[in-house]
N, C-alpha and C. Protein backbone atom coordinates (compact mmCIF):
# COMPACT_ATOMS: atom_id res chain seq x y z
N MET A 1 0.83 -1.17 0.00
CA MET A 1 0.00 0.00 0.00
C MET A 1 0.88 1.24 0.00
N LEU A 2 0.48 2.27 -0.74
CA LEU A 2 1.23 3.51 -0.83
C LEU A 2 1.05 4.35 0.42
N SER A 3 2.16 4.95 0.83
CA SER A 3 2.06 5.91 1.94
C SER A 3 1.41 7.18 1.41
N ALA A 4 0.93 8.00 2.29
CA ALA A 4 0.29 9.25 1.89
C ALA A 4 1.28 10.12 1.11
N ARG A 5 2.54 10.12 1.54
CA ARG A 5 3.56 10.93 0.87
C ARG A 5 3.80 10.40 -0.55
N ASN A 6 3.94 9.09 -0.71
CA ASN A 6 4.17 8.50 -2.03
C ASN A 6 2.95 8.68 -2.94
N ALA A 7 1.77 8.56 -2.37
CA ALA A 7 0.55 8.77 -3.16
C ALA A 7 0.50 10.21 -3.66
N GLY A 8 0.86 11.15 -2.80
CA GLY A 8 0.89 12.56 -3.19
C GLY A 8 1.89 12.82 -4.30
N LEU A 9 3.09 12.20 -4.19
CA LEU A 9 4.11 12.35 -5.23
C LEU A 9 3.63 11.74 -6.55
N LEU A 10 2.96 10.60 -6.48
CA LEU A 10 2.45 9.95 -7.68
C LEU A 10 1.40 10.83 -8.36
N ILE A 11 0.49 11.37 -7.59
CA ILE A 11 -0.54 12.25 -8.16
C ILE A 11 0.09 13.49 -8.77
N THR A 12 1.06 14.09 -8.08
CA THR A 12 1.75 15.27 -8.61
C THR A 12 2.45 14.94 -9.92
N ALA A 13 3.13 13.79 -9.97
CA ALA A 13 3.84 13.38 -11.19
C ALA A 13 2.86 13.17 -12.34
N LEU A 14 1.73 12.53 -12.05
CA LEU A 14 0.74 12.30 -13.11
C LEU A 14 0.15 13.61 -13.62
N LEU A 15 -0.13 14.54 -12.73
CA LEU A 15 -0.64 15.85 -13.14
C LEU A 15 0.39 16.61 -13.97
N ALA A 16 1.65 16.55 -13.58
CA ALA A 16 2.72 17.22 -14.34
C ALA A 16 2.85 16.60 -15.72
N LEU A 17 2.76 15.28 -15.79
CA LEU A 17 2.83 14.60 -17.09
C LEU A 17 1.67 15.01 -17.98
N ALA A 18 0.48 15.05 -17.44
CA ALA A 18 -0.70 15.45 -18.22
C ALA A 18 -0.57 16.90 -18.67
N ALA A 19 -0.11 17.77 -17.79
CA ALA A 19 0.05 19.18 -18.16
C ALA A 19 1.10 19.33 -19.26
N GLY A 20 2.20 18.58 -19.15
CA GLY A 20 3.23 18.61 -20.18
C GLY A 20 2.70 18.16 -21.52
N PHE A 21 1.88 17.13 -21.52
CA PHE A 21 1.29 16.64 -22.76
C PHE A 21 0.40 17.70 -23.40
N VAL A 22 -0.44 18.34 -22.59
CA VAL A 22 -1.34 19.37 -23.11
C VAL A 22 -0.54 20.53 -23.69
N VAL A 23 0.49 20.98 -22.98
CA VAL A 23 1.32 22.09 -23.46
C VAL A 23 2.04 21.70 -24.74
N SER A 24 2.60 20.49 -24.80
CA SER A 24 3.32 20.09 -26.00
C SER A 24 2.39 20.00 -27.20
N ARG A 25 1.17 19.54 -27.01
CA ARG A 25 0.21 19.47 -28.11
C ARG A 25 -0.15 20.87 -28.58
N HIS A 26 -0.27 21.82 -27.63
CA HIS A 26 -0.60 23.20 -27.99
C HIS A 26 0.56 23.84 -28.75
N VAL A 27 1.78 23.67 -28.27
CA VAL A 27 2.94 24.30 -28.89
C VAL A 27 3.25 23.66 -30.23
N SER A 28 3.12 22.34 -30.34
CA SER A 28 3.44 21.69 -31.60
C SER A 28 2.35 21.92 -32.63
N GLY A 29 1.18 22.33 -32.19
CA GLY A 29 0.10 22.64 -33.12
C GLY A 29 -0.36 21.45 -33.91
N SER A 30 -0.32 20.31 -33.37
CA SER A 30 -0.54 19.06 -34.08
C SER A 30 -1.79 19.07 -34.95
N ASN A 31 -1.73 19.85 -36.00
CA ASN A 31 -2.79 19.89 -36.99
C ASN A 31 -4.15 20.22 -36.39
N ALA A 32 -4.14 21.08 -35.40
CA ALA A 32 -5.38 21.46 -34.75
C ALA A 32 -6.19 22.40 -35.64
N PRO A 33 -7.50 22.24 -35.67
CA PRO A 33 -8.31 23.18 -36.43
C PRO A 33 -8.15 24.58 -35.86
N ALA A 34 -8.08 25.54 -36.73
CA ALA A 34 -7.93 26.93 -36.29
C ALA A 34 -9.29 27.49 -35.88
N ILE A 35 -9.24 28.56 -35.14
CA ILE A 35 -10.46 29.24 -34.73
C ILE A 35 -11.08 29.88 -35.97
N GLU A 36 -12.38 29.82 -36.07
CA GLU A 36 -13.10 30.43 -37.19
C GLU A 36 -12.75 31.90 -37.27
N GLN A 37 -12.33 32.34 -38.42
CA GLN A 37 -11.95 33.73 -38.60
C GLN A 37 -12.27 34.17 -40.02
N PRO A 38 -12.28 35.48 -40.24
CA PRO A 38 -12.59 35.95 -41.59
C PRO A 38 -11.49 35.57 -42.57
N ARG A 39 -11.84 35.60 -43.83
CA ARG A 39 -10.89 35.29 -44.90
C ARG A 39 -9.67 36.19 -44.79
N ILE A 40 -8.50 35.60 -44.91
CA ILE A 40 -7.25 36.35 -44.85
C ILE A 40 -6.76 36.55 -46.27
N ASP A 41 -6.29 37.75 -46.57
CA ASP A 41 -5.64 38.01 -47.85
C ASP A 41 -4.35 38.75 -47.57
N PHE A 42 -3.41 38.61 -48.44
CA PHE A 42 -2.15 39.34 -48.32
C PHE A 42 -1.58 39.55 -49.71
N ALA A 43 -0.61 40.42 -49.81
CA ALA A 43 0.09 40.67 -51.06
C ALA A 43 1.59 40.60 -50.78
N LEU A 44 2.27 39.70 -51.49
CA LEU A 44 3.71 39.54 -51.33
C LEU A 44 4.35 39.34 -52.71
N PRO A 45 5.60 39.76 -52.85
CA PRO A 45 6.28 39.56 -54.14
C PRO A 45 6.85 38.14 -54.26
N ASP A 46 6.94 37.69 -55.51
CA ASP A 46 7.67 36.45 -55.76
C ASP A 46 9.14 36.81 -55.99
N LEU A 47 9.94 35.87 -56.41
CA LEU A 47 11.37 36.13 -56.58
C LEU A 47 11.68 37.04 -57.76
N ASP A 48 10.71 37.25 -58.64
CA ASP A 48 10.89 38.18 -59.75
C ASP A 48 10.32 39.56 -59.44
N GLY A 49 9.77 39.72 -58.25
CA GLY A 49 9.22 41.01 -57.85
C GLY A 49 7.75 41.19 -58.18
N LYS A 50 7.14 40.19 -58.83
CA LYS A 50 5.72 40.28 -59.16
C LYS A 50 4.91 40.04 -57.89
N VAL A 51 3.97 40.94 -57.59
CA VAL A 51 3.17 40.83 -56.38
C VAL A 51 2.00 39.88 -56.61
N HIS A 52 1.81 38.98 -55.66
CA HIS A 52 0.71 38.03 -55.70
C HIS A 52 -0.16 38.23 -54.46
N HIS A 53 -1.46 38.09 -54.65
CA HIS A 53 -2.42 38.15 -53.54
C HIS A 53 -2.91 36.72 -53.29
N LEU A 54 -3.15 36.39 -52.04
CA LEU A 54 -3.69 35.06 -51.73
C LEU A 54 -5.02 34.85 -52.46
N SER A 55 -5.78 35.91 -52.62
CA SER A 55 -7.08 35.81 -53.30
C SER A 55 -6.95 35.37 -54.76
N GLU A 56 -5.76 35.41 -55.29
CA GLU A 56 -5.49 34.93 -56.65
C GLU A 56 -5.89 33.45 -56.80
N TRP A 57 -5.84 32.73 -55.68
CA TRP A 57 -6.16 31.30 -55.71
C TRP A 57 -7.50 31.01 -55.04
N ALA A 58 -8.37 32.00 -54.97
CA ALA A 58 -9.70 31.82 -54.36
C ALA A 58 -10.44 30.68 -55.06
N GLY A 59 -11.19 29.92 -54.28
CA GLY A 59 -11.95 28.79 -54.81
C GLY A 59 -11.16 27.50 -54.82
N LYS A 60 -9.87 27.57 -54.49
CA LYS A 60 -9.04 26.37 -54.41
C LYS A 60 -8.80 26.03 -52.94
N ILE A 61 -8.34 24.83 -52.72
CA ILE A 61 -7.80 24.46 -51.41
C ILE A 61 -6.37 24.96 -51.42
N ILE A 62 -6.05 25.84 -50.51
CA ILE A 62 -4.73 26.49 -50.50
C ILE A 62 -3.95 26.03 -49.27
N ILE A 63 -2.74 25.59 -49.51
CA ILE A 63 -1.84 25.24 -48.41
C ILE A 63 -0.77 26.32 -48.38
N VAL A 64 -0.80 27.16 -47.35
CA VAL A 64 0.19 28.23 -47.18
C VAL A 64 1.23 27.73 -46.20
N ASN A 65 2.47 27.67 -46.67
CA ASN A 65 3.57 27.17 -45.85
C ASN A 65 4.58 28.29 -45.60
N PHE A 66 4.77 28.62 -44.33
CA PHE A 66 5.77 29.60 -43.92
C PHE A 66 7.04 28.83 -43.59
N TRP A 67 8.16 29.21 -44.21
CA TRP A 67 9.38 28.44 -44.09
C TRP A 67 10.60 29.34 -44.27
N ALA A 68 11.78 28.77 -44.09
CA ALA A 68 13.04 29.47 -44.34
C ALA A 68 14.08 28.46 -44.81
N THR A 69 15.03 28.93 -45.59
CA THR A 69 16.06 28.03 -46.12
C THR A 69 16.97 27.48 -45.04
N TRP A 70 17.12 28.17 -43.94
CA TRP A 70 18.01 27.75 -42.86
C TRP A 70 17.33 26.80 -41.86
N CYS A 71 16.08 26.46 -42.10
CA CYS A 71 15.26 25.67 -41.17
C CYS A 71 15.23 24.20 -41.63
N PRO A 72 15.92 23.28 -40.92
CA PRO A 72 15.95 21.87 -41.35
C PRO A 72 14.57 21.22 -41.52
N PRO A 73 13.60 21.36 -40.59
CA PRO A 73 12.31 20.72 -40.83
C PRO A 73 11.57 21.33 -42.03
N CYS A 74 11.82 22.62 -42.29
CA CYS A 74 11.21 23.26 -43.47
C CYS A 74 11.73 22.58 -44.73
N ARG A 75 13.03 22.42 -44.78
CA ARG A 75 13.66 21.81 -45.96
C ARG A 75 13.20 20.36 -46.14
N LYS A 76 12.98 19.69 -45.03
CA LYS A 76 12.61 18.27 -45.08
C LYS A 76 11.20 18.06 -45.64
N GLU A 77 10.27 18.98 -45.36
CA GLU A 77 8.89 18.78 -45.81
C GLU A 77 8.64 19.23 -47.25
N ILE A 78 9.51 20.02 -47.81
CA ILE A 78 9.29 20.56 -49.16
C ILE A 78 9.14 19.47 -50.23
N PRO A 79 9.95 18.41 -50.25
CA PRO A 79 9.72 17.36 -51.27
C PRO A 79 8.32 16.75 -51.20
N ASP A 80 7.77 16.60 -49.98
CA ASP A 80 6.39 16.11 -49.85
C ASP A 80 5.41 17.10 -50.45
N PHE A 81 5.64 18.40 -50.22
CA PHE A 81 4.75 19.42 -50.77
C PHE A 81 4.80 19.40 -52.30
N VAL A 82 5.99 19.25 -52.85
CA VAL A 82 6.15 19.19 -54.31
C VAL A 82 5.35 18.00 -54.86
N GLN A 83 5.46 16.86 -54.19
CA GLN A 83 4.76 15.65 -54.65
C GLN A 83 3.24 15.82 -54.53
N LEU A 84 2.78 16.39 -53.42
CA LEU A 84 1.34 16.58 -53.22
C LEU A 84 0.78 17.65 -54.17
N GLN A 85 1.56 18.69 -54.46
CA GLN A 85 1.12 19.70 -55.43
C GLN A 85 0.91 19.05 -56.78
N GLU A 86 1.85 18.22 -57.18
CA GLU A 86 1.74 17.54 -58.47
C GLU A 86 0.52 16.60 -58.50
N LYS A 87 0.32 15.88 -57.41
CA LYS A 87 -0.77 14.90 -57.35
C LYS A 87 -2.15 15.54 -57.32
N TYR A 88 -2.31 16.66 -56.60
CA TYR A 88 -3.64 17.22 -56.38
C TYR A 88 -3.92 18.54 -57.11
N ALA A 89 -3.02 19.00 -57.93
CA ALA A 89 -3.25 20.26 -58.66
C ALA A 89 -4.52 20.20 -59.50
N VAL A 90 -4.73 19.08 -60.18
CA VAL A 90 -5.91 18.96 -61.04
C VAL A 90 -7.21 18.96 -60.24
N ALA A 91 -7.12 18.67 -58.94
CA ALA A 91 -8.31 18.67 -58.08
C ALA A 91 -8.54 20.04 -57.44
N GLY A 92 -7.70 21.03 -57.80
CA GLY A 92 -7.89 22.38 -57.27
C GLY A 92 -7.15 22.66 -55.98
N VAL A 93 -6.01 22.01 -55.79
CA VAL A 93 -5.17 22.26 -54.62
C VAL A 93 -3.99 23.12 -55.05
N GLN A 94 -3.71 24.15 -54.26
CA GLN A 94 -2.60 25.05 -54.57
C GLN A 94 -1.74 25.29 -53.34
N PHE A 95 -0.49 24.88 -53.42
CA PHE A 95 0.49 25.20 -52.38
C PHE A 95 1.06 26.58 -52.67
N VAL A 96 1.34 27.32 -51.61
CA VAL A 96 1.99 28.63 -51.71
C VAL A 96 3.02 28.70 -50.60
N GLY A 97 4.27 28.87 -50.97
CA GLY A 97 5.33 28.99 -49.97
C GLY A 97 5.59 30.45 -49.66
N VAL A 98 5.71 30.77 -48.38
CA VAL A 98 6.07 32.13 -47.96
C VAL A 98 7.39 31.99 -47.21
N ALA A 99 8.47 32.41 -47.87
CA ALA A 99 9.80 32.24 -47.31
C ALA A 99 10.20 33.45 -46.47
N ALA A 100 10.56 33.18 -45.23
CA ALA A 100 11.03 34.23 -44.33
C ALA A 100 12.55 34.28 -44.46
N ASP A 101 12.98 34.78 -45.61
CA ASP A 101 14.39 34.72 -45.96
C ASP A 101 14.71 35.81 -46.98
N GLN A 102 16.00 35.96 -47.25
CA GLN A 102 16.44 36.90 -48.27
C GLN A 102 16.27 36.25 -49.66
N PRO A 103 15.87 37.03 -50.67
CA PRO A 103 15.65 36.46 -52.01
C PRO A 103 16.83 35.65 -52.55
N ASP A 104 18.06 36.11 -52.33
CA ASP A 104 19.21 35.37 -52.85
C ASP A 104 19.34 33.99 -52.20
N ALA A 105 19.07 33.90 -50.92
CA ALA A 105 19.12 32.61 -50.23
C ALA A 105 18.04 31.68 -50.77
N ILE A 106 16.88 32.22 -51.06
CA ILE A 106 15.78 31.42 -51.60
C ILE A 106 16.15 30.91 -52.99
N ARG A 107 16.68 31.80 -53.82
CA ARG A 107 17.09 31.40 -55.18
C ARG A 107 18.13 30.27 -55.13
N ASP A 108 19.12 30.42 -54.25
CA ASP A 108 20.16 29.40 -54.12
C ASP A 108 19.56 28.06 -53.70
N PHE A 109 18.62 28.10 -52.77
CA PHE A 109 17.98 26.87 -52.30
C PHE A 109 17.20 26.20 -53.44
N ILE A 110 16.45 26.98 -54.18
CA ILE A 110 15.62 26.43 -55.26
C ILE A 110 16.47 25.79 -56.36
N LYS A 111 17.72 26.21 -56.49
CA LYS A 111 18.62 25.57 -57.45
C LYS A 111 18.89 24.11 -57.06
N THR A 112 18.91 23.84 -55.76
CA THR A 112 19.19 22.49 -55.29
C THR A 112 17.92 21.68 -55.02
N GLN A 113 16.81 22.36 -54.78
CA GLN A 113 15.53 21.70 -54.49
C GLN A 113 14.44 22.38 -55.33
N PRO A 114 14.20 21.87 -56.53
CA PRO A 114 13.16 22.48 -57.36
C PRO A 114 11.79 22.46 -56.66
N ILE A 115 11.05 23.54 -56.83
CA ILE A 115 9.74 23.68 -56.21
C ILE A 115 8.74 24.01 -57.31
N ASN A 116 7.61 23.29 -57.35
CA ASN A 116 6.63 23.44 -58.41
C ASN A 116 5.41 24.26 -58.00
N TYR A 117 5.56 25.10 -57.01
CA TYR A 117 4.48 25.97 -56.57
C TYR A 117 5.07 27.36 -56.29
N PRO A 118 4.22 28.38 -56.24
CA PRO A 118 4.73 29.74 -56.05
C PRO A 118 5.45 29.91 -54.71
N ILE A 119 6.59 30.59 -54.78
CA ILE A 119 7.33 30.97 -53.58
C ILE A 119 7.30 32.49 -53.50
N LEU A 120 6.77 32.98 -52.39
CA LEU A 120 6.68 34.41 -52.16
C LEU A 120 7.67 34.79 -51.06
N VAL A 121 8.13 36.02 -51.12
CA VAL A 121 9.11 36.50 -50.15
C VAL A 121 8.36 37.21 -49.02
N GLY A 122 8.42 36.61 -47.83
CA GLY A 122 7.74 37.16 -46.67
C GLY A 122 8.70 37.92 -45.77
N ASP A 123 8.18 38.41 -44.68
CA ASP A 123 9.03 39.12 -43.72
C ASP A 123 9.71 38.11 -42.80
N GLU A 124 10.90 38.44 -42.38
CA GLU A 124 11.67 37.53 -41.54
C GLU A 124 11.18 37.53 -40.10
N GLU A 125 10.35 38.48 -39.73
CA GLU A 125 9.81 38.53 -38.37
C GLU A 125 8.58 37.64 -38.20
N GLY A 126 7.98 37.20 -39.28
CA GLY A 126 6.85 36.29 -39.20
C GLY A 126 5.52 36.94 -38.83
N SER A 127 5.38 38.24 -39.05
CA SER A 127 4.12 38.90 -38.66
C SER A 127 2.93 38.38 -39.47
N LEU A 128 3.14 38.02 -40.73
CA LEU A 128 2.04 37.50 -41.54
C LEU A 128 1.59 36.14 -41.03
N SER A 129 2.51 35.29 -40.64
CA SER A 129 2.12 33.96 -40.17
C SER A 129 1.28 34.05 -38.90
N LYS A 130 1.45 35.10 -38.13
CA LYS A 130 0.64 35.29 -36.92
C LYS A 130 -0.84 35.47 -37.27
N GLN A 131 -1.12 36.09 -38.42
CA GLN A 131 -2.51 36.24 -38.86
C GLN A 131 -3.15 34.88 -39.15
N PHE A 132 -2.32 33.89 -39.42
CA PHE A 132 -2.79 32.53 -39.70
C PHE A 132 -2.79 31.65 -38.46
N GLY A 133 -2.52 32.25 -37.29
CA GLY A 133 -2.58 31.51 -36.04
C GLY A 133 -1.24 31.10 -35.46
N ASN A 134 -0.15 31.51 -36.07
CA ASN A 134 1.18 31.15 -35.59
C ASN A 134 1.63 32.13 -34.52
N ASN A 135 1.03 32.03 -33.35
CA ASN A 135 1.26 33.02 -32.30
C ASN A 135 2.64 32.93 -31.66
N ILE A 136 3.41 31.89 -31.93
CA ILE A 136 4.76 31.81 -31.36
C ILE A 136 5.85 31.98 -32.42
N GLY A 137 5.48 32.21 -33.66
CA GLY A 137 6.46 32.45 -34.72
C GLY A 137 7.26 31.23 -35.12
N ALA A 138 6.69 30.04 -34.97
CA ALA A 138 7.38 28.80 -35.30
C ALA A 138 7.57 28.66 -36.81
N LEU A 139 8.66 28.01 -37.20
CA LEU A 139 8.89 27.61 -38.58
C LEU A 139 9.27 26.14 -38.56
N PRO A 140 8.78 25.37 -39.50
CA PRO A 140 7.76 25.74 -40.47
C PRO A 140 6.39 25.87 -39.80
N TYR A 141 5.53 26.57 -40.50
CA TYR A 141 4.14 26.70 -40.05
C TYR A 141 3.28 26.63 -41.30
N THR A 142 2.25 25.80 -41.26
CA THR A 142 1.42 25.58 -42.44
C THR A 142 -0.05 25.75 -42.08
N ALA A 143 -0.77 26.43 -42.97
CA ALA A 143 -2.22 26.59 -42.82
C ALA A 143 -2.89 26.02 -44.05
N VAL A 144 -3.89 25.17 -43.84
CA VAL A 144 -4.67 24.60 -44.93
C VAL A 144 -5.99 25.36 -44.96
N ILE A 145 -6.28 25.95 -46.11
CA ILE A 145 -7.45 26.82 -46.27
C ILE A 145 -8.44 26.13 -47.21
N ASP A 146 -9.70 26.05 -46.78
CA ASP A 146 -10.70 25.39 -47.62
C ASP A 146 -11.12 26.29 -48.79
N ARG A 147 -11.97 25.77 -49.64
CA ARG A 147 -12.38 26.50 -50.84
C ARG A 147 -13.16 27.79 -50.53
N LYS A 148 -13.71 27.88 -49.33
CA LYS A 148 -14.45 29.09 -48.93
C LYS A 148 -13.55 30.13 -48.28
N GLY A 149 -12.27 29.81 -48.13
CA GLY A 149 -11.32 30.76 -47.57
C GLY A 149 -11.12 30.67 -46.08
N LYS A 150 -11.63 29.62 -45.45
CA LYS A 150 -11.49 29.44 -44.00
C LYS A 150 -10.33 28.49 -43.71
N ILE A 151 -9.56 28.82 -42.69
CA ILE A 151 -8.48 27.93 -42.27
C ILE A 151 -9.10 26.71 -41.61
N SER A 152 -8.78 25.54 -42.14
CA SER A 152 -9.36 24.32 -41.58
C SER A 152 -8.37 23.57 -40.70
N VAL A 153 -7.09 23.66 -41.01
CA VAL A 153 -6.06 22.95 -40.26
C VAL A 153 -4.80 23.80 -40.23
N THR A 154 -4.10 23.77 -39.10
CA THR A 154 -2.78 24.40 -39.03
C THR A 154 -1.79 23.39 -38.46
N SER A 155 -0.53 23.63 -38.75
CA SER A 155 0.52 22.75 -38.22
C SER A 155 1.77 23.56 -37.92
N ARG A 156 2.23 23.46 -36.68
CA ARG A 156 3.54 24.02 -36.30
C ARG A 156 4.54 22.88 -36.40
N GLY A 157 5.67 23.18 -37.00
CA GLY A 157 6.66 22.12 -37.19
C GLY A 157 6.37 21.39 -38.50
N GLN A 158 7.17 20.37 -38.74
CA GLN A 158 7.04 19.64 -39.99
C GLN A 158 5.66 19.01 -40.13
N PHE A 159 5.02 19.26 -41.26
CA PHE A 159 3.71 18.68 -41.56
C PHE A 159 3.97 17.38 -42.30
N HIS A 160 3.73 16.29 -41.66
CA HIS A 160 4.06 14.99 -42.24
C HIS A 160 3.12 14.66 -43.40
N HIS A 161 3.71 14.02 -44.38
CA HIS A 161 3.02 13.71 -45.64
C HIS A 161 1.64 13.10 -45.44
N ALA A 162 1.55 12.05 -44.66
CA ALA A 162 0.26 11.36 -44.47
C ALA A 162 -0.77 12.26 -43.82
N ASP A 163 -0.36 13.07 -42.85
CA ASP A 163 -1.30 13.97 -42.19
C ASP A 163 -1.80 15.06 -43.14
N LEU A 164 -0.89 15.61 -43.93
CA LEU A 164 -1.30 16.65 -44.87
C LEU A 164 -2.19 16.08 -45.97
N GLU A 165 -1.84 14.91 -46.47
CA GLU A 165 -2.67 14.31 -47.51
C GLU A 165 -4.07 14.01 -46.98
N ALA A 166 -4.17 13.56 -45.73
CA ALA A 166 -5.48 13.29 -45.13
C ALA A 166 -6.29 14.58 -45.02
N ALA A 167 -5.64 15.69 -44.65
CA ALA A 167 -6.33 16.98 -44.56
C ALA A 167 -6.82 17.43 -45.92
N ILE A 168 -6.01 17.23 -46.95
CA ILE A 168 -6.40 17.59 -48.31
C ILE A 168 -7.59 16.75 -48.76
N LYS A 169 -7.51 15.45 -48.57
CA LYS A 169 -8.58 14.55 -48.99
C LYS A 169 -9.90 14.89 -48.31
N LYS A 170 -9.83 15.25 -47.04
CA LYS A 170 -11.04 15.62 -46.30
C LYS A 170 -11.72 16.83 -46.94
N LEU A 171 -10.93 17.78 -47.42
CA LEU A 171 -11.50 18.98 -48.04
C LEU A 171 -11.94 18.74 -49.48
N LEU A 172 -11.46 17.68 -50.10
CA LEU A 172 -11.88 17.37 -51.47
C LEU A 172 -13.26 16.74 -51.53
N ILE A 173 -13.71 16.19 -50.40
CA ILE A 173 -15.04 15.57 -50.35
C ILE A 173 -16.09 16.68 -50.41
N PRO A 174 -17.02 16.61 -51.38
CA PRO A 174 -18.02 17.70 -51.52
C PRO A 174 -19.02 17.75 -50.37
């Protein structure tokens, strides 16, 4: 039988473990649905200086990925995004990368890792990603936007292929 002191320590440990789990799920953003909010639009230049608005892809399922060339998990998820863009483009899915980096660094990276979706140059402070729910400025950060312009899923950290594909498929169902 447990002594009162040991029982108290066990309860404290279990509560700390549960609290740690809740905090880690909140910080990692494990593909949690975002709070209902109005449609977000922005205007950012691509690497050629042409300004693009998010509304340019209205009516599509849009995956907005905030990333940087110096970020290992960002670099790791890009090949999956390239593959999913190719697979689901005909179904009306559009990936848009927002790089929090200098244009020259982005150009150099794209020479080694071809990307088949638009890359826009964002601010390095991450203020735009905060509008999409990235309240801690994490990179990578991804928001999946449904055809009506509402954020349906967000992910802090690397968005794993299977999880992202499941989110896309869910939005493809009429």
